[in-house]
N, C-alpha and C. Protein backbone atom coordinates (compact mmCIF):
# COMPACT_ATOMS: atom_id res chain seq x y z
N MET A 1 111.54 96.82 90.28
CA MET A 1 112.58 96.38 89.35
C MET A 1 113.58 97.50 89.10
N ASP A 2 114.77 97.11 88.68
CA ASP A 2 115.89 98.03 88.56
C ASP A 2 116.02 98.52 87.12
N MET A 3 115.45 99.69 86.85
CA MET A 3 115.46 100.24 85.49
C MET A 3 116.86 100.43 84.89
N PRO A 4 117.92 100.65 85.69
CA PRO A 4 119.24 100.83 85.05
C PRO A 4 119.66 99.71 84.11
N LEU A 5 119.08 98.52 84.24
CA LEU A 5 119.46 97.45 83.31
C LEU A 5 119.06 97.77 81.88
N LEU A 6 118.02 98.56 81.69
CA LEU A 6 117.69 99.00 80.34
C LEU A 6 118.78 99.92 79.80
N GLN A 7 119.29 100.78 80.67
CA GLN A 7 120.40 101.65 80.26
C GLN A 7 121.67 100.83 80.02
N THR A 8 121.84 99.76 80.79
CA THR A 8 123.01 98.88 80.62
C THR A 8 123.07 98.34 79.20
N ILE A 9 121.91 97.97 78.65
CA ILE A 9 121.89 97.46 77.28
C ILE A 9 122.48 98.48 76.32
N ARG A 10 122.10 99.74 76.51
CA ARG A 10 122.64 100.81 75.67
C ARG A 10 124.14 100.99 75.91
N ASP A 11 124.53 100.95 77.20
CA ASP A 11 125.94 101.15 77.53
C ASP A 11 126.83 100.06 76.93
N LEU A 12 126.28 98.88 76.74
CA LEU A 12 127.03 97.77 76.14
C LEU A 12 127.12 97.90 74.63
N GLY A 13 126.43 98.88 74.08
CA GLY A 13 126.44 99.06 72.63
C GLY A 13 125.56 98.07 71.89
N LEU A 14 124.61 97.46 72.63
CA LEU A 14 123.70 96.49 72.02
C LEU A 14 122.46 97.19 71.50
N PRO A 15 121.74 96.58 70.57
CA PRO A 15 120.52 97.20 70.05
C PRO A 15 119.49 97.39 71.18
N PRO A 16 119.03 98.60 71.42
CA PRO A 16 118.08 98.80 72.50
C PRO A 16 116.73 98.18 72.17
N PRO A 17 116.07 97.58 73.13
CA PRO A 17 114.75 97.00 72.86
C PRO A 17 113.71 98.09 72.60
N THR A 18 112.78 97.79 71.71
CA THR A 18 111.69 98.71 71.42
C THR A 18 110.32 98.13 71.72
N GLY A 19 110.26 96.80 71.90
CA GLY A 19 108.99 96.13 72.22
C GLY A 19 109.15 95.26 73.45
N ILE A 20 108.14 95.26 74.31
CA ILE A 20 108.27 94.60 75.60
C ILE A 20 107.05 93.75 75.91
N ALA A 21 107.28 92.62 76.55
CA ALA A 21 106.22 91.87 77.23
C ALA A 21 106.54 91.95 78.71
N GLN A 22 105.77 92.73 79.45
CA GLN A 22 105.99 92.87 80.89
C GLN A 22 105.00 91.99 81.62
N VAL A 23 105.51 91.05 82.37
CA VAL A 23 104.68 90.12 83.14
C VAL A 23 104.78 90.51 84.61
N GLY A 24 103.65 90.89 85.19
CA GLY A 24 103.63 91.46 86.52
C GLY A 24 103.77 92.97 86.43
N ALA A 25 102.91 93.58 85.62
CA ALA A 25 103.03 95.02 85.32
C ALA A 25 102.44 95.90 86.42
N SER A 26 101.72 95.30 87.35
CA SER A 26 101.12 96.05 88.46
C SER A 26 100.24 97.18 87.91
N SER A 27 100.40 98.39 88.42
CA SER A 27 99.54 99.50 88.03
C SER A 27 100.15 100.37 86.92
N GLY A 28 101.24 99.92 86.34
CA GLY A 28 101.85 100.67 85.24
C GLY A 28 102.78 101.77 85.68
N GLN A 29 103.32 101.64 86.89
CA GLN A 29 104.16 102.70 87.45
C GLN A 29 105.50 102.86 86.72
N GLU A 30 105.87 101.90 85.88
CA GLU A 30 107.15 101.96 85.18
C GLU A 30 107.03 102.46 83.74
N MET A 31 105.83 102.82 83.33
CA MET A 31 105.62 103.18 81.92
C MET A 31 106.46 104.37 81.49
N GLY A 32 106.55 105.39 82.34
CA GLY A 32 107.30 106.58 81.97
C GLY A 32 108.75 106.26 81.66
N GLU A 33 109.35 105.41 82.48
CA GLU A 33 110.75 105.05 82.24
C GLU A 33 110.89 104.17 81.00
N PHE A 34 109.94 103.28 80.77
CA PHE A 34 109.97 102.50 79.53
C PHE A 34 110.00 103.42 78.31
N LEU A 35 109.14 104.42 78.32
CA LEU A 35 109.09 105.36 77.20
C LEU A 35 110.41 106.12 77.06
N ARG A 36 110.97 106.54 78.19
CA ARG A 36 112.24 107.27 78.14
C ARG A 36 113.37 106.41 77.60
N GLN A 37 113.27 105.09 77.80
CA GLN A 37 114.30 104.17 77.34
C GLN A 37 114.05 103.66 75.92
N GLY A 38 113.03 104.19 75.26
CA GLY A 38 112.81 103.87 73.86
C GLY A 38 111.84 102.75 73.58
N ILE A 39 111.12 102.27 74.59
CA ILE A 39 110.10 101.25 74.36
C ILE A 39 108.92 101.92 73.67
N ARG A 40 108.49 101.36 72.54
CA ARG A 40 107.43 101.97 71.74
C ARG A 40 106.23 101.06 71.51
N ARG A 41 106.30 99.84 71.98
CA ARG A 41 105.17 98.93 71.83
C ARG A 41 105.27 97.86 72.90
N GLY A 42 104.16 97.25 73.24
CA GLY A 42 104.28 96.19 74.22
C GLY A 42 102.96 95.66 74.74
N VAL A 43 103.06 94.54 75.43
CA VAL A 43 101.94 93.88 76.09
C VAL A 43 102.26 93.86 77.58
N PHE A 44 101.34 94.37 78.39
CA PHE A 44 101.57 94.57 79.81
C PHE A 44 100.53 93.74 80.58
N ILE A 45 101.00 92.78 81.37
CA ILE A 45 100.14 91.74 81.91
C ILE A 45 100.09 91.84 83.43
N GLU A 46 98.88 91.88 83.96
CA GLU A 46 98.67 91.97 85.41
C GLU A 46 97.44 91.14 85.78
N PRO A 47 97.55 90.22 86.76
CA PRO A 47 96.42 89.35 87.07
C PRO A 47 95.37 89.93 88.01
N LEU A 48 95.73 90.87 88.88
CA LEU A 48 94.79 91.36 89.88
C LEU A 48 93.94 92.50 89.33
N PRO A 49 92.64 92.46 89.55
CA PRO A 49 91.74 93.45 88.93
C PRO A 49 92.03 94.90 89.32
N GLN A 50 92.35 95.16 90.58
CA GLN A 50 92.49 96.55 91.01
C GLN A 50 93.71 97.24 90.38
N PRO A 51 94.92 96.67 90.50
CA PRO A 51 96.04 97.31 89.80
C PRO A 51 95.88 97.27 88.28
N PHE A 52 95.20 96.24 87.77
CA PHE A 52 95.00 96.18 86.33
C PHE A 52 94.18 97.36 85.82
N LYS A 53 93.19 97.78 86.58
CA LYS A 53 92.38 98.93 86.15
C LYS A 53 93.26 100.17 85.95
N LEU A 54 94.19 100.39 86.88
CA LEU A 54 95.10 101.52 86.75
C LEU A 54 96.05 101.33 85.57
N LEU A 55 96.52 100.09 85.40
CA LEU A 55 97.39 99.77 84.27
C LEU A 55 96.69 100.04 82.95
N ALA A 56 95.44 99.60 82.84
CA ALA A 56 94.69 99.80 81.60
C ALA A 56 94.48 101.27 81.30
N ASP A 57 94.23 102.06 82.35
CA ASP A 57 94.06 103.50 82.16
C ASP A 57 95.33 104.13 81.58
N VAL A 58 96.49 103.68 82.06
CA VAL A 58 97.76 104.20 81.54
C VAL A 58 97.95 103.77 80.09
N CYS A 59 97.72 102.50 79.81
CA CYS A 59 97.97 101.98 78.46
C CYS A 59 97.05 102.61 77.41
N ARG A 60 95.84 102.97 77.79
CA ARG A 60 94.93 103.60 76.82
C ARG A 60 95.48 104.90 76.26
N LYS A 61 96.37 105.53 77.00
CA LYS A 61 96.91 106.83 76.58
C LYS A 61 98.16 106.71 75.71
N ILE A 62 98.65 105.48 75.52
CA ILE A 62 99.92 105.29 74.81
C ILE A 62 99.67 104.35 73.62
N PRO A 63 99.91 104.80 72.41
CA PRO A 63 99.69 103.94 71.24
C PRO A 63 100.51 102.65 71.33
N ASP A 64 99.87 101.55 70.97
CA ASP A 64 100.51 100.24 70.89
C ASP A 64 101.01 99.72 72.24
N PHE A 65 100.45 100.22 73.33
CA PHE A 65 100.65 99.65 74.66
C PHE A 65 99.33 98.97 75.03
N ILE A 66 99.35 97.64 75.17
CA ILE A 66 98.14 96.87 75.40
C ILE A 66 98.20 96.21 76.77
N ALA A 67 97.18 96.45 77.58
CA ALA A 67 97.08 95.84 78.91
C ALA A 67 96.23 94.58 78.84
N VAL A 68 96.67 93.53 79.51
CA VAL A 68 95.94 92.26 79.53
C VAL A 68 95.79 91.80 80.98
N ASN A 69 94.58 91.48 81.36
CA ASN A 69 94.28 91.04 82.72
C ASN A 69 94.27 89.52 82.78
N THR A 70 95.45 88.95 83.03
CA THR A 70 95.55 87.50 83.14
C THR A 70 96.78 87.14 83.97
N LEU A 71 96.86 85.87 84.31
CA LEU A 71 98.00 85.33 85.04
C LEU A 71 98.83 84.47 84.10
N CYS A 72 100.11 84.72 84.01
CA CYS A 72 100.99 83.92 83.15
C CYS A 72 101.57 82.74 83.93
N THR A 73 101.39 81.55 83.38
CA THR A 73 101.87 80.32 84.00
C THR A 73 102.49 79.43 82.92
N ALA A 74 102.91 78.24 83.31
CA ALA A 74 103.57 77.34 82.38
C ALA A 74 102.61 76.70 81.39
N THR A 75 101.34 76.61 81.76
CA THR A 75 100.34 75.99 80.90
C THR A 75 99.10 76.87 80.84
N THR A 76 98.33 76.70 79.80
CA THR A 76 97.09 77.46 79.64
C THR A 76 95.91 76.64 80.13
N GLY A 77 95.02 77.29 80.87
CA GLY A 77 93.78 76.66 81.29
C GLY A 77 93.80 76.03 82.66
N GLN A 78 94.93 76.05 83.33
CA GLN A 78 95.03 75.43 84.66
C GLN A 78 94.64 76.45 85.73
N THR A 79 93.80 76.04 86.67
CA THR A 79 93.42 76.89 87.78
C THR A 79 94.45 76.76 88.89
N VAL A 80 94.94 77.89 89.38
CA VAL A 80 95.98 77.88 90.41
C VAL A 80 95.58 78.81 91.55
N ASP A 81 96.11 78.53 92.73
CA ASP A 81 95.95 79.43 93.87
C ASP A 81 96.88 80.63 93.70
N PHE A 82 96.35 81.81 94.01
CA PHE A 82 97.13 83.04 93.92
C PHE A 82 97.08 83.72 95.27
N HIS A 83 98.25 83.91 95.88
CA HIS A 83 98.35 84.46 97.23
C HIS A 83 98.48 85.98 97.13
N VAL A 84 97.45 86.68 97.60
CA VAL A 84 97.34 88.13 97.40
C VAL A 84 97.99 88.86 98.57
N ALA A 85 98.90 89.77 98.25
CA ALA A 85 99.64 90.53 99.27
C ALA A 85 98.93 91.84 99.58
N SER A 86 99.15 92.32 100.79
CA SER A 86 98.47 93.52 101.27
C SER A 86 99.07 94.82 100.77
N ASN A 87 100.21 94.77 100.10
CA ASN A 87 100.87 95.99 99.63
C ASN A 87 100.42 96.37 98.21
N GLY A 88 99.12 96.46 98.05
CA GLY A 88 98.58 96.76 96.73
C GLY A 88 98.73 95.63 95.75
N GLY A 89 98.99 94.43 96.27
CA GLY A 89 99.15 93.26 95.42
C GLY A 89 100.54 93.07 94.86
N GLN A 90 101.49 93.97 95.16
CA GLN A 90 102.79 93.93 94.50
C GLN A 90 103.61 92.70 94.85
N SER A 91 103.41 92.12 96.02
CA SER A 91 104.16 90.92 96.41
C SER A 91 103.37 89.63 96.21
N SER A 92 102.24 89.72 95.50
CA SER A 92 101.39 88.55 95.29
C SER A 92 102.09 87.52 94.41
N SER A 93 101.74 86.25 94.61
CA SER A 93 102.44 85.19 93.89
C SER A 93 101.59 83.93 93.80
N THR A 94 101.90 83.13 92.79
CA THR A 94 101.32 81.79 92.72
C THR A 94 101.95 80.87 93.77
N LEU A 95 103.08 81.27 94.33
CA LEU A 95 103.77 80.47 95.34
C LEU A 95 103.43 80.97 96.74
N GLU A 96 103.45 80.05 97.68
CA GLU A 96 103.21 80.45 99.08
C GLU A 96 104.39 81.26 99.61
N PRO A 97 104.12 82.32 100.36
CA PRO A 97 105.22 83.08 100.94
C PRO A 97 105.98 82.26 101.97
N LEU A 98 107.30 82.45 102.01
CA LEU A 98 108.14 81.75 102.99
C LEU A 98 108.92 82.80 103.78
N ASN A 99 110.14 83.09 103.42
CA ASN A 99 110.94 84.08 104.14
C ASN A 99 110.41 85.51 103.97
N HIS A 100 109.54 85.69 103.01
CA HIS A 100 108.90 87.00 102.85
C HIS A 100 108.14 87.39 104.12
N LEU A 101 107.58 86.39 104.80
CA LEU A 101 106.77 86.65 106.00
C LEU A 101 107.58 87.26 107.12
N SER A 102 108.86 86.92 107.23
CA SER A 102 109.71 87.48 108.28
C SER A 102 110.51 88.68 107.79
N GLN A 103 110.98 88.62 106.56
CA GLN A 103 111.83 89.71 106.06
C GLN A 103 111.02 90.98 105.80
N PHE A 104 109.78 90.81 105.37
CA PHE A 104 108.90 91.95 105.13
C PHE A 104 107.61 91.72 105.91
N ASN A 105 107.73 91.73 107.23
CA ASN A 105 106.60 91.33 108.07
C ASN A 105 105.44 92.31 108.07
N TYR A 106 105.62 93.46 107.45
CA TYR A 106 104.53 94.42 107.33
C TYR A 106 103.61 94.07 106.16
N VAL A 107 104.03 93.12 105.32
CA VAL A 107 103.20 92.66 104.21
C VAL A 107 102.47 91.39 104.64
N LYS A 108 101.17 91.40 104.50
CA LYS A 108 100.35 90.25 104.90
C LYS A 108 99.80 89.54 103.66
N PHE A 109 99.57 88.25 103.82
CA PHE A 109 98.98 87.43 102.76
C PHE A 109 97.71 86.79 103.32
N ASP A 110 96.70 87.59 103.50
CA ASP A 110 95.48 87.13 104.15
C ASP A 110 94.42 86.66 103.17
N GLN A 111 94.70 86.76 101.89
CA GLN A 111 93.71 86.38 100.89
C GLN A 111 94.32 85.44 99.87
N LYS A 112 93.58 84.41 99.53
CA LYS A 112 93.99 83.49 98.48
C LYS A 112 92.84 83.33 97.51
N ILE A 113 93.10 83.59 96.24
CA ILE A 113 92.07 83.47 95.23
C ILE A 113 92.51 82.46 94.19
N GLN A 114 91.57 82.01 93.39
CA GLN A 114 91.89 81.09 92.31
C GLN A 114 91.81 81.82 90.98
N LEU A 115 92.84 81.64 90.17
CA LEU A 115 92.92 82.25 88.85
C LEU A 115 93.26 81.19 87.82
N VAL A 116 92.82 81.43 86.60
CA VAL A 116 93.16 80.54 85.50
C VAL A 116 94.37 81.10 84.77
N GLY A 117 95.39 80.29 84.63
CA GLY A 117 96.63 80.74 84.02
C GLY A 117 96.64 80.60 82.51
N ASN A 118 97.51 81.37 81.88
CA ASN A 118 97.73 81.30 80.44
C ASN A 118 99.22 81.39 80.14
N ARG A 119 99.66 80.66 79.15
CA ARG A 119 101.05 80.78 78.71
C ARG A 119 101.26 82.16 78.10
N LEU A 120 102.44 82.73 78.30
CA LEU A 120 102.75 84.01 77.68
C LEU A 120 102.63 83.91 76.16
N ASP A 121 103.06 82.81 75.58
CA ASP A 121 102.93 82.63 74.14
C ASP A 121 101.48 82.77 73.69
N ASP A 122 100.57 82.21 74.46
CA ASP A 122 99.15 82.27 74.10
C ASP A 122 98.58 83.67 74.30
N VAL A 123 99.05 84.38 75.32
CA VAL A 123 98.61 85.75 75.53
C VAL A 123 99.02 86.62 74.34
N ILE A 124 100.28 86.49 73.91
CA ILE A 124 100.76 87.27 72.77
C ILE A 124 99.96 86.92 71.52
N ALA A 125 99.69 85.64 71.30
CA ALA A 125 98.91 85.23 70.14
C ALA A 125 97.51 85.80 70.19
N PHE A 126 96.91 85.85 71.36
CA PHE A 126 95.57 86.41 71.53
C PHE A 126 95.56 87.90 71.20
N VAL A 127 96.55 88.61 71.68
CA VAL A 127 96.64 90.05 71.41
C VAL A 127 96.78 90.28 69.90
N LYS A 128 97.62 89.51 69.25
CA LYS A 128 97.79 89.65 67.80
C LYS A 128 96.49 89.37 67.05
N ALA A 129 95.78 88.33 67.48
CA ALA A 129 94.57 87.92 66.77
C ALA A 129 93.40 88.87 66.99
N ASN A 130 93.53 89.77 67.94
CA ASN A 130 92.43 90.68 68.26
C ASN A 130 92.77 92.13 67.93
N GLY A 131 93.47 92.31 66.83
CA GLY A 131 93.64 93.63 66.26
C GLY A 131 94.81 94.44 66.77
N HIS A 132 95.73 93.81 67.52
CA HIS A 132 96.83 94.57 68.10
C HIS A 132 98.19 93.97 67.71
N ALA A 133 98.31 93.51 66.48
CA ALA A 133 99.57 92.89 66.06
C ALA A 133 100.73 93.86 66.16
N ARG A 134 100.48 95.15 65.91
CA ARG A 134 101.58 96.13 65.96
C ARG A 134 102.21 96.21 67.35
N ALA A 135 101.42 95.92 68.38
CA ALA A 135 101.96 95.97 69.74
C ALA A 135 102.92 94.84 70.03
N CYS A 136 102.93 93.82 69.16
CA CYS A 136 103.72 92.61 69.41
C CYS A 136 104.85 92.41 68.42
N GLU A 137 105.05 93.31 67.51
CA GLU A 137 106.00 93.06 66.42
C GLU A 137 107.04 94.15 66.31
N PRO A 138 108.27 93.88 66.73
CA PRO A 138 108.60 92.67 67.50
C PRO A 138 108.59 92.94 69.00
N ILE A 139 108.48 91.90 69.78
CA ILE A 139 108.76 91.98 71.21
C ILE A 139 110.17 91.45 71.40
N ASP A 140 111.07 92.34 71.75
CA ASP A 140 112.46 91.91 71.90
C ASP A 140 112.93 91.87 73.35
N LEU A 141 112.03 92.18 74.29
CA LEU A 141 112.37 92.14 75.72
C LEU A 141 111.24 91.50 76.51
N ILE A 142 111.58 90.49 77.30
CA ILE A 142 110.65 89.94 78.31
C ILE A 142 111.10 90.49 79.66
N TYR A 143 110.17 91.11 80.36
CA TYR A 143 110.49 91.83 81.60
C TYR A 143 109.56 91.29 82.69
N MET A 144 110.13 90.60 83.69
CA MET A 144 109.32 89.86 84.65
C MET A 144 109.54 90.32 86.09
N ASP A 145 108.44 90.47 86.79
CA ASP A 145 108.46 90.71 88.23
C ASP A 145 107.28 89.95 88.81
N THR A 146 107.47 88.63 88.98
CA THR A 146 106.34 87.76 89.31
C THR A 146 106.51 87.02 90.63
N GLN A 147 107.41 87.52 91.46
CA GLN A 147 107.50 87.05 92.84
C GLN A 147 107.67 85.53 92.94
N GLY A 148 108.68 85.02 92.27
CA GLY A 148 109.04 83.61 92.42
C GLY A 148 108.51 82.68 91.35
N SER A 149 107.59 83.16 90.50
CA SER A 149 107.05 82.27 89.46
C SER A 149 107.70 82.49 88.10
N GLU A 150 108.88 83.11 88.09
CA GLU A 150 109.53 83.47 86.83
C GLU A 150 109.81 82.25 85.94
N LEU A 151 110.24 81.16 86.53
CA LEU A 151 110.53 79.99 85.71
C LEU A 151 109.25 79.45 85.08
N GLN A 152 108.14 79.46 85.81
CA GLN A 152 106.86 79.03 85.25
C GLN A 152 106.48 79.90 84.05
N VAL A 153 106.70 81.19 84.18
CA VAL A 153 106.39 82.10 83.07
C VAL A 153 107.23 81.75 81.85
N LEU A 154 108.53 81.55 82.05
CA LEU A 154 109.42 81.23 80.94
C LEU A 154 109.06 79.90 80.29
N GLN A 155 108.61 78.95 81.08
CA GLN A 155 108.23 77.65 80.52
C GLN A 155 107.04 77.76 79.57
N GLY A 156 106.26 78.82 79.73
CA GLY A 156 105.13 79.06 78.84
C GLY A 156 105.43 80.12 77.79
N ALA A 157 106.71 80.39 77.54
CA ALA A 157 107.09 81.50 76.67
C ALA A 157 108.13 81.10 75.64
N LYS A 158 108.09 79.87 75.16
CA LYS A 158 109.16 79.40 74.27
C LYS A 158 109.20 80.17 72.95
N ARG A 159 108.04 80.44 72.36
CA ARG A 159 108.02 81.20 71.11
C ARG A 159 108.46 82.64 71.35
N THR A 160 108.02 83.21 72.46
CA THR A 160 108.38 84.59 72.78
C THR A 160 109.87 84.70 73.04
N LEU A 161 110.44 83.71 73.74
CA LEU A 161 111.89 83.68 73.97
C LEU A 161 112.67 83.58 72.67
N ALA A 162 112.17 82.79 71.74
CA ALA A 162 112.88 82.60 70.47
C ALA A 162 112.94 83.91 69.69
N ALA A 163 111.90 84.73 69.81
CA ALA A 163 111.84 85.98 69.04
C ALA A 163 112.54 87.14 69.74
N ALA A 164 112.70 87.06 71.06
CA ALA A 164 113.25 88.17 71.84
C ALA A 164 114.77 88.16 71.83
N ARG A 165 115.34 89.25 72.37
CA ARG A 165 116.79 89.35 72.54
C ARG A 165 117.20 89.42 74.00
N TYR A 166 116.30 89.89 74.85
CA TYR A 166 116.66 90.19 76.24
C TYR A 166 115.59 89.66 77.19
N VAL A 167 116.04 89.23 78.36
CA VAL A 167 115.16 88.92 79.49
C VAL A 167 115.69 89.68 80.69
N ILE A 168 114.83 90.46 81.31
CA ILE A 168 115.15 91.10 82.59
C ILE A 168 114.18 90.54 83.62
N THR A 169 114.72 90.01 84.69
CA THR A 169 113.88 89.35 85.68
C THR A 169 114.38 89.58 87.09
N GLU A 170 113.46 89.65 88.03
CA GLU A 170 113.82 89.69 89.44
C GLU A 170 114.29 88.30 89.86
N VAL A 171 115.34 88.24 90.66
CA VAL A 171 115.82 86.97 91.21
C VAL A 171 116.09 87.16 92.70
N THR A 172 116.09 86.06 93.43
CA THR A 172 116.38 86.11 94.86
C THR A 172 117.13 84.85 95.24
N ARG A 173 117.87 84.92 96.35
CA ARG A 173 118.60 83.73 96.80
C ARG A 173 118.26 83.39 98.24
N ASN A 174 117.11 83.86 98.73
CA ASN A 174 116.76 83.56 100.12
C ASN A 174 115.35 83.01 100.27
N GLN A 175 114.83 82.39 99.19
CA GLN A 175 113.55 81.67 99.26
C GLN A 175 112.44 82.52 99.90
N LEU A 176 112.17 83.65 99.30
CA LEU A 176 111.03 84.46 99.77
C LEU A 176 109.73 83.69 99.61
N TYR A 177 109.69 82.81 98.60
CA TYR A 177 108.49 82.01 98.33
C TYR A 177 108.89 80.55 98.20
N LYS A 178 108.00 79.66 98.63
CA LYS A 178 108.28 78.24 98.59
C LYS A 178 108.42 77.76 97.15
N GLY A 179 109.54 77.12 96.86
CA GLY A 179 109.76 76.56 95.54
C GLY A 179 110.19 77.56 94.49
N ALA A 180 110.56 78.77 94.89
CA ALA A 180 111.01 79.76 93.91
C ALA A 180 112.31 79.31 93.27
N PRO A 181 112.49 79.58 91.98
CA PRO A 181 113.72 79.15 91.31
C PRO A 181 114.91 79.95 91.78
N THR A 182 116.06 79.32 91.78
CA THR A 182 117.31 80.02 92.07
C THR A 182 117.81 80.69 90.79
N LEU A 183 118.81 81.53 90.96
CA LEU A 183 119.46 82.13 89.80
C LEU A 183 120.03 81.03 88.90
N ALA A 184 120.58 79.98 89.51
CA ALA A 184 121.12 78.87 88.72
C ALA A 184 120.03 78.19 87.90
N ASP A 185 118.84 78.03 88.48
CA ASP A 185 117.72 77.42 87.75
C ASP A 185 117.35 78.26 86.53
N LEU A 186 117.22 79.56 86.73
CA LEU A 186 116.84 80.45 85.63
C LEU A 186 117.94 80.49 84.57
N THR A 187 119.20 80.54 85.02
CA THR A 187 120.31 80.58 84.08
C THR A 187 120.35 79.31 83.23
N ALA A 188 120.15 78.17 83.86
CA ALA A 188 120.19 76.90 83.12
C ALA A 188 119.06 76.83 82.09
N TYR A 189 117.87 77.26 82.49
CA TYR A 189 116.74 77.21 81.56
C TYR A 189 116.97 78.15 80.38
N LEU A 190 117.39 79.36 80.68
CA LEU A 190 117.60 80.32 79.61
C LEU A 190 118.80 79.98 78.74
N GLN A 191 119.80 79.33 79.33
CA GLN A 191 120.94 78.88 78.52
C GLN A 191 120.48 77.88 77.47
N ASP A 192 119.51 77.03 77.83
CA ASP A 192 118.96 76.08 76.86
C ASP A 192 118.21 76.78 75.73
N HIS A 193 117.85 78.05 75.96
CA HIS A 193 117.15 78.82 74.93
C HIS A 193 118.05 79.91 74.35
N ASP A 194 119.36 79.67 74.46
CA ASP A 194 120.37 80.51 73.80
C ASP A 194 120.55 81.89 74.42
N TYR A 195 120.29 82.01 75.72
CA TYR A 195 120.55 83.25 76.43
C TYR A 195 121.73 83.07 77.38
N ALA A 196 122.49 84.14 77.56
CA ALA A 196 123.59 84.16 78.51
C ALA A 196 123.31 85.18 79.60
N LEU A 197 123.66 84.85 80.84
CA LEU A 197 123.55 85.80 81.94
C LEU A 197 124.59 86.89 81.74
N ASN A 198 124.15 88.15 81.74
CA ASN A 198 125.06 89.26 81.49
C ASN A 198 125.29 90.14 82.72
N ASN A 199 124.26 90.37 83.51
CA ASN A 199 124.38 91.24 84.69
C ASN A 199 123.51 90.72 85.82
N VAL A 200 124.06 90.73 87.04
CA VAL A 200 123.27 90.49 88.23
C VAL A 200 124.01 91.09 89.41
N ASN A 201 123.29 91.76 90.29
CA ASN A 201 123.93 92.45 91.42
C ASN A 201 123.01 92.37 92.62
N PHE A 202 123.30 91.46 93.54
CA PHE A 202 122.43 91.26 94.70
C PHE A 202 122.60 92.40 95.71
N ASN A 203 121.48 92.79 96.33
CA ASN A 203 121.54 93.79 97.40
C ASN A 203 121.56 93.09 98.76
N ARG A 204 121.51 93.88 99.81
CA ARG A 204 121.62 93.30 101.16
C ARG A 204 120.43 92.43 101.54
N HIS A 205 119.33 92.56 100.80
CA HIS A 205 118.17 91.70 101.04
C HIS A 205 118.21 90.43 100.20
N HIS A 206 119.33 90.22 99.50
CA HIS A 206 119.50 89.05 98.64
C HIS A 206 118.56 89.08 97.44
N HIS A 207 118.17 90.28 97.01
CA HIS A 207 117.38 90.44 95.80
C HIS A 207 118.28 91.02 94.72
N ALA A 208 117.93 90.73 93.48
CA ALA A 208 118.64 91.33 92.36
C ALA A 208 117.73 91.32 91.15
N ASP A 209 118.07 92.15 90.19
CA ASP A 209 117.48 92.07 88.86
C ASP A 209 118.57 91.58 87.93
N ALA A 210 118.24 90.62 87.11
CA ALA A 210 119.23 90.00 86.24
C ALA A 210 118.89 90.28 84.78
N LEU A 211 119.94 90.52 84.00
CA LEU A 211 119.80 90.72 82.56
C LEU A 211 120.40 89.53 81.83
N PHE A 212 119.58 88.88 81.02
CA PHE A 212 120.03 87.81 80.13
C PHE A 212 119.94 88.31 78.70
N VAL A 213 120.94 87.97 77.91
CA VAL A 213 121.02 88.45 76.53
C VAL A 213 121.15 87.26 75.59
N LYS A 214 120.42 87.29 74.49
CA LYS A 214 120.54 86.23 73.48
C LYS A 214 121.99 86.16 73.01
N ARG A 215 122.55 84.97 72.96
CA ARG A 215 123.97 84.81 72.64
C ARG A 215 124.35 85.45 71.32
N GLU A 216 123.51 85.29 70.31
CA GLU A 216 123.86 85.85 69.01
C GLU A 216 123.89 87.38 69.05
N THR A 217 123.14 87.98 69.99
CA THR A 217 123.13 89.43 70.11
C THR A 217 124.45 89.96 70.61
N ILE A 218 125.12 89.18 71.46
CA ILE A 218 126.43 89.61 71.98
C ILE A 218 127.59 88.86 71.35
N GLY A 219 127.29 88.08 70.30
CA GLY A 219 128.36 87.43 69.54
C GLY A 219 128.96 86.22 70.21
N LEU A 220 128.18 85.52 71.04
CA LEU A 220 128.67 84.31 71.70
C LEU A 220 128.12 83.08 70.99
N GLU A 221 128.97 82.09 70.76
CA GLU A 221 128.51 80.85 70.13
C GLU A 221 128.36 79.72 71.15
N PHE A 222 129.23 79.71 72.18
CA PHE A 222 129.20 78.62 73.13
C PHE A 222 129.32 79.17 74.54
N GLY A 223 128.85 78.38 75.50
CA GLY A 223 129.01 78.72 76.92
C GLY A 223 128.31 80.01 77.29
N PHE A 224 128.79 80.64 78.35
CA PHE A 224 128.19 81.85 78.83
C PHE A 224 128.60 83.02 77.95
């Protein structure tokens, strides 16, 4: 993910986020930059056991950083196939790989496991109910790197979206995974939840990180 978008929020003169829900946190390799950008609390979610162990080790050293080993989906309790990637799990997804197989042919998807999904709203509620309310109050940034399942995550995050100010998410326009949402899909969904697309910059691989901002945060009443 492209950390400069956190700096972009500051450059725009907007209130910098201090609490984060990171979905697809991997092994916690971004924690140092989160701290440098002023993040002081958060819930960090990773479904695969091996990177989660490293993530949990990092979070134990930082007050009010809570690691959760689960998969975020649109509904709670549904068992889904999870396609595990060979690059330390970083390209793993609930969606089947499509153009990823040719564009990044050094990454293999030789393993498929079944995981039980949970809504992000329910994960946050669980963390609060189990003695870590400070880590969730407030969460003003949702930060996603879930390899094509971003819309599913957002569909299970209505309460979290209502409380947050910012969404930073990976987007693509070349169908790396079957059924992955387009930027237009994500924009339309988030627009219905009072967010406006503020920044997106595609690279030569047709990938980008997009910043969505709550309309009231940037003083918009209608439209984009």
